């Protein structure tokens, strides 16, 4: 299994409703892409104070690397990703992606 971890820094002017709409657009991908086992979206709840400004994020669990790669190449994912990046501080600089083999 591949766990796709994405940490984000939304711009301060991006309302909560837009953040939720972006997450909803990403969640729709599960309906037409095979191999997505789980998706979780939300705000950081760690009390450690080590988030370095990455206060929101999500994880997607894929059955395998092939399922992850199909997601990355999917046009609907690319559209949702572009919408997400447009809502972040500094664009792509407001994003960290880290994939784990679980």
N, C-alpha and C. Protein backbone atom coordinates (compact mmCIF):
# COMPACT_ATOMS: atom_id res chain seq x y z
N UNK A 1 0.84 -1.18 0.00
CA UNK A 1 0.00 0.00 0.00
C UNK A 1 0.88 1.24 0.00
N UNK A 2 0.45 2.26 -0.68
CA UNK A 2 1.12 3.55 -0.71
C UNK A 2 0.23 4.57 0.01
N UNK A 3 0.79 5.25 1.00
CA UNK A 3 0.08 6.35 1.68
C UNK A 3 0.64 7.66 1.14
N UNK A 4 -0.19 8.39 0.45
CA UNK A 4 0.14 9.68 -0.18
C UNK A 4 -0.22 10.77 0.83
N UNK A 5 0.78 11.43 1.39
CA UNK A 5 0.57 12.45 2.43
C UNK A 5 0.84 13.83 1.82
N UNK A 6 -0.12 14.73 1.98
CA UNK A 6 0.00 16.07 1.41
C UNK A 6 -0.26 17.08 2.53
N UNK A 7 0.71 17.95 2.77
CA UNK A 7 0.58 19.03 3.75
C UNK A 7 0.49 20.34 2.99
N UNK A 8 -0.41 21.22 3.44
CA UNK A 8 -0.63 22.46 2.69
C UNK A 8 -0.69 23.68 3.60
N UNK A 9 -0.33 24.82 3.00
CA UNK A 9 -0.47 26.14 3.64
C UNK A 9 -1.44 26.94 2.79
N UNK A 10 -2.70 26.95 3.20
CA UNK A 10 -3.69 27.76 2.48
C UNK A 10 -3.39 29.25 2.71
N UNK A 11 -3.64 30.07 1.68
CA UNK A 11 -3.56 31.51 1.85
C UNK A 11 -4.61 31.93 2.87
N UNK A 12 -4.33 32.98 3.62
CA UNK A 12 -5.24 33.46 4.66
C UNK A 12 -6.59 33.91 4.09
N UNK A 13 -6.60 34.35 2.83
CA UNK A 13 -7.85 34.84 2.24
C UNK A 13 -8.73 33.73 1.63
N UNK A 14 -8.29 32.48 1.74
CA UNK A 14 -9.08 31.37 1.20
C UNK A 14 -10.06 30.91 2.28
N UNK A 15 -11.36 31.10 2.04
CA UNK A 15 -12.34 30.76 3.08
C UNK A 15 -12.46 29.24 3.28
N UNK A 16 -12.95 28.88 4.43
CA UNK A 16 -13.14 27.48 4.76
C UNK A 16 -14.01 26.75 3.75
N UNK A 17 -15.00 27.43 3.21
CA UNK A 17 -15.88 26.80 2.22
C UNK A 17 -15.11 26.41 0.96
N UNK A 18 -14.16 27.24 0.53
CA UNK A 18 -13.35 26.92 -0.64
C UNK A 18 -12.41 25.75 -0.32
N UNK A 19 -11.85 25.74 0.85
CA UNK A 19 -10.98 24.62 1.25
C UNK A 19 -11.76 23.31 1.20
N UNK A 20 -12.97 23.33 1.76
CA UNK A 20 -13.81 22.12 1.75
C UNK A 20 -14.21 21.73 0.33
N UNK A 21 -14.45 22.70 -0.52
CA UNK A 21 -14.79 22.41 -1.92
C UNK A 21 -13.63 21.75 -2.65
N UNK A 22 -12.41 22.19 -2.36
CA UNK A 22 -11.23 21.57 -2.96
C UNK A 22 -11.12 20.12 -2.49
N UNK A 23 -11.29 19.90 -1.20
CA UNK A 23 -11.23 18.53 -0.67
C UNK A 23 -12.34 17.67 -1.28
N UNK A 24 -13.52 18.23 -1.45
CA UNK A 24 -14.63 17.48 -2.05
C UNK A 24 -14.32 17.10 -3.49
N UNK A 25 -13.68 18.01 -4.22
CA UNK A 25 -13.30 17.72 -5.60
C UNK A 25 -12.30 16.58 -5.64
N UNK A 26 -11.34 16.58 -4.72
CA UNK A 26 -10.38 15.48 -4.65
C UNK A 26 -11.07 14.18 -4.26
N UNK A 27 -12.00 14.24 -3.33
CA UNK A 27 -12.70 13.03 -2.87
C UNK A 27 -13.49 12.38 -4.00
N UNK A 28 -13.99 13.17 -4.94
CA UNK A 28 -14.75 12.62 -6.07
C UNK A 28 -13.91 11.69 -6.93
N UNK A 29 -12.60 11.84 -6.88
CA UNK A 29 -11.73 10.99 -7.69
C UNK A 29 -11.89 9.52 -7.33
N UNK A 30 -12.27 9.26 -6.10
CA UNK A 30 -12.44 7.87 -5.65
C UNK A 30 -13.54 7.16 -6.43
N UNK A 31 -14.48 7.91 -6.98
CA UNK A 31 -15.60 7.32 -7.72
C UNK A 31 -15.20 6.75 -9.07
N UNK A 32 -14.14 7.27 -9.67
CA UNK A 32 -13.77 6.77 -10.99
C UNK A 32 -12.36 6.21 -11.10
N UNK A 33 -11.59 6.28 -10.04
CA UNK A 33 -10.25 5.70 -10.05
C UNK A 33 -10.21 4.47 -9.15
N UNK A 34 -9.77 3.37 -9.69
CA UNK A 34 -9.62 2.17 -8.86
C UNK A 34 -8.38 2.27 -8.01
N UNK A 35 -8.36 1.51 -6.94
CA UNK A 35 -7.16 1.43 -6.12
C UNK A 35 -7.06 2.43 -5.00
N UNK A 36 -8.01 3.37 -4.88
CA UNK A 36 -8.02 4.29 -3.74
C UNK A 36 -8.76 3.59 -2.62
N UNK A 37 -8.05 3.33 -1.53
CA UNK A 37 -8.63 2.59 -0.42
C UNK A 37 -9.21 3.49 0.66
N UNK A 38 -8.61 4.65 0.87
CA UNK A 38 -9.08 5.56 1.91
C UNK A 38 -8.59 6.97 1.61
N UNK A 39 -9.37 7.96 2.07
CA UNK A 39 -8.99 9.36 1.95
C UNK A 39 -9.38 10.06 3.25
N UNK A 40 -8.48 10.92 3.75
CA UNK A 40 -8.76 11.70 4.95
C UNK A 40 -8.28 13.12 4.73
N UNK A 41 -9.09 14.09 5.14
CA UNK A 41 -8.79 15.50 4.96
C UNK A 41 -8.99 16.22 6.28
N UNK A 42 -8.15 17.23 6.58
CA UNK A 42 -8.40 17.99 7.78
C UNK A 42 -7.27 18.91 8.19
N UNK A 43 -7.50 19.55 9.33
CA UNK A 43 -6.53 20.48 9.91
C UNK A 43 -5.59 19.74 10.85
N UNK A 44 -4.41 20.31 11.02
CA UNK A 44 -3.44 19.77 11.98
C UNK A 44 -4.00 19.88 13.39
N UNK A 45 -3.91 18.81 14.15
CA UNK A 45 -4.38 18.82 15.53
C UNK A 45 -3.24 18.52 16.52
N UNK A 46 -2.00 18.54 16.03
CA UNK A 46 -0.86 18.27 16.90
C UNK A 46 -0.62 19.44 17.85
N UNK A 47 -0.37 19.15 19.13
CA UNK A 47 -0.06 20.21 20.08
C UNK A 47 1.42 20.60 20.09
N UNK A 48 2.24 19.96 19.25
CA UNK A 48 3.69 20.15 19.30
C UNK A 48 4.16 21.50 18.76
N UNK A 49 3.39 22.13 17.89
CA UNK A 49 3.82 23.40 17.32
C UNK A 49 4.94 23.28 16.31
N UNK A 50 5.06 22.14 15.65
CA UNK A 50 6.15 21.91 14.70
C UNK A 50 5.65 21.85 13.25
N UNK A 51 4.49 22.41 12.99
CA UNK A 51 3.89 22.29 11.65
C UNK A 51 4.53 23.18 10.59
N UNK A 52 5.37 24.12 11.00
CA UNK A 52 6.06 25.04 10.08
C UNK A 52 5.09 25.73 9.13
N UNK A 53 3.88 25.99 9.61
CA UNK A 53 2.89 26.69 8.81
C UNK A 53 1.99 25.79 7.98
N UNK A 54 2.30 24.50 7.95
CA UNK A 54 1.46 23.55 7.21
C UNK A 54 0.33 23.12 8.14
N UNK A 55 -0.76 23.87 8.10
CA UNK A 55 -1.84 23.69 9.08
C UNK A 55 -2.96 22.79 8.60
N UNK A 56 -2.92 22.39 7.35
CA UNK A 56 -3.95 21.52 6.78
C UNK A 56 -3.28 20.43 5.95
N UNK A 57 -4.03 19.39 5.68
CA UNK A 57 -3.48 18.34 4.85
C UNK A 57 -4.46 17.22 4.59
N UNK A 58 -3.97 16.24 3.85
CA UNK A 58 -4.79 15.06 3.58
C UNK A 58 -3.89 13.88 3.25
N UNK A 59 -4.48 12.70 3.40
CA UNK A 59 -3.80 11.46 3.02
C UNK A 59 -4.73 10.68 2.10
N UNK A 60 -4.10 9.97 1.18
CA UNK A 60 -4.83 9.05 0.31
C UNK A 60 -4.07 7.73 0.34
N UNK A 61 -4.78 6.67 0.66
CA UNK A 61 -4.19 5.33 0.66
C UNK A 61 -4.51 4.65 -0.66
N UNK A 62 -3.46 4.23 -1.36
CA UNK A 62 -3.59 3.53 -2.63
C UNK A 62 -3.22 2.07 -2.45
N UNK A 63 -3.87 1.19 -3.20
CA UNK A 63 -3.58 -0.24 -3.11
C UNK A 63 -2.12 -0.52 -3.44
N UNK A 64 -1.58 0.22 -4.40
CA UNK A 64 -0.20 -0.01 -4.83
C UNK A 64 0.29 1.21 -5.60
N UNK A 65 1.55 1.15 -6.03
CA UNK A 65 2.15 2.27 -6.75
C UNK A 65 1.45 2.52 -8.08
N UNK A 66 0.96 1.47 -8.74
CA UNK A 66 0.27 1.64 -10.02
C UNK A 66 -1.00 2.46 -9.84
N UNK A 67 -1.74 2.22 -8.76
CA UNK A 67 -2.95 3.00 -8.48
C UNK A 67 -2.60 4.46 -8.21
N UNK A 68 -1.51 4.68 -7.46
CA UNK A 68 -1.06 6.06 -7.21
C UNK A 68 -0.66 6.75 -8.50
N UNK A 69 0.05 6.03 -9.36
CA UNK A 69 0.51 6.62 -10.61
C UNK A 69 -0.66 6.95 -11.54
N UNK A 70 -1.70 6.11 -11.53
CA UNK A 70 -2.90 6.40 -12.33
C UNK A 70 -3.58 7.67 -11.82
N UNK A 71 -3.63 7.84 -10.51
CA UNK A 71 -4.19 9.04 -9.89
C UNK A 71 -3.40 10.28 -10.32
N UNK A 72 -2.08 10.19 -10.28
CA UNK A 72 -1.25 11.34 -10.63
C UNK A 72 -1.45 11.78 -12.07
N UNK A 73 -1.67 10.82 -12.97
CA UNK A 73 -1.83 11.12 -14.39
C UNK A 73 -3.25 11.51 -14.78
N UNK A 74 -4.21 11.29 -13.89
CA UNK A 74 -5.62 11.52 -14.20
C UNK A 74 -5.92 13.01 -14.40
N UNK A 75 -6.58 13.39 -15.49
CA UNK A 75 -6.90 14.80 -15.73
C UNK A 75 -7.74 15.44 -14.62
N UNK A 76 -8.66 14.69 -14.03
CA UNK A 76 -9.47 15.25 -12.94
C UNK A 76 -8.61 15.55 -11.72
N UNK A 77 -7.61 14.70 -11.45
CA UNK A 77 -6.68 14.97 -10.35
C UNK A 77 -5.86 16.22 -10.67
N UNK A 78 -5.39 16.33 -11.90
CA UNK A 78 -4.58 17.48 -12.27
C UNK A 78 -5.38 18.78 -12.16
N UNK A 79 -6.67 18.73 -12.49
CA UNK A 79 -7.51 19.92 -12.34
C UNK A 79 -7.70 20.27 -10.87
N UNK A 80 -7.97 19.27 -10.04
CA UNK A 80 -8.13 19.51 -8.61
C UNK A 80 -6.82 20.00 -8.00
N UNK A 81 -5.71 19.43 -8.46
CA UNK A 81 -4.40 19.86 -7.97
C UNK A 81 -4.10 21.30 -8.33
N UNK A 82 -4.47 21.71 -9.53
CA UNK A 82 -4.26 23.10 -9.95
C UNK A 82 -5.10 24.05 -9.09
N UNK A 83 -6.32 23.64 -8.79
CA UNK A 83 -7.19 24.46 -7.92
C UNK A 83 -6.59 24.58 -6.53
N UNK A 84 -6.07 23.47 -6.02
CA UNK A 84 -5.43 23.47 -4.70
C UNK A 84 -4.22 24.40 -4.69
N UNK A 85 -3.32 24.23 -5.65
CA UNK A 85 -2.09 25.04 -5.71
C UNK A 85 -2.43 26.53 -5.80
N UNK A 86 -3.48 26.88 -6.54
CA UNK A 86 -3.87 28.29 -6.66
C UNK A 86 -4.34 28.87 -5.33
N UNK A 87 -4.74 28.02 -4.39
CA UNK A 87 -5.23 28.49 -3.08
C UNK A 87 -4.15 28.51 -2.01
N UNK A 88 -2.92 28.17 -2.37
CA UNK A 88 -1.85 28.04 -1.38
C UNK A 88 -0.92 29.24 -1.34
N UNK A 89 -0.33 29.46 -0.19
CA UNK A 89 0.71 30.49 -0.03
C UNK A 89 1.88 30.13 -0.92
N UNK A 90 2.20 30.98 -1.88
CA UNK A 90 3.35 30.73 -2.74
C UNK A 90 3.15 29.64 -3.76
N UNK A 91 1.92 29.25 -4.03
CA UNK A 91 1.67 28.19 -5.01
C UNK A 91 2.27 26.87 -4.55
N UNK A 92 3.08 26.26 -5.40
CA UNK A 92 3.67 24.96 -5.09
C UNK A 92 4.53 25.01 -3.83
N UNK A 93 5.08 26.17 -3.49
CA UNK A 93 5.89 26.30 -2.27
C UNK A 93 5.04 26.08 -1.01
N UNK A 94 3.73 26.16 -1.14
CA UNK A 94 2.84 25.94 0.00
C UNK A 94 2.36 24.50 0.10
N UNK A 95 3.16 23.59 -0.43
CA UNK A 95 2.75 22.20 -0.54
C UNK A 95 3.93 21.28 -0.25
N UNK A 96 3.69 20.22 0.51
CA UNK A 96 4.66 19.15 0.70
C UNK A 96 3.95 17.84 0.40
N UNK A 97 4.56 17.01 -0.45
CA UNK A 97 4.01 15.69 -0.76
C UNK A 97 5.04 14.65 -0.36
N UNK A 98 4.56 13.63 0.36
CA UNK A 98 5.45 12.57 0.84
C UNK A 98 4.69 11.26 0.75
N UNK A 99 5.23 10.31 0.00
CA UNK A 99 4.57 9.01 -0.14
C UNK A 99 5.33 7.95 0.66
N UNK A 100 4.57 7.15 1.39
CA UNK A 100 5.14 6.08 2.21
C UNK A 100 4.66 4.73 1.69
N UNK A 101 5.54 3.76 1.65
CA UNK A 101 5.13 2.37 1.43
C UNK A 101 4.74 1.82 2.79
N UNK A 102 3.49 1.45 2.94
CA UNK A 102 2.98 0.98 4.23
C UNK A 102 2.71 -0.51 4.17
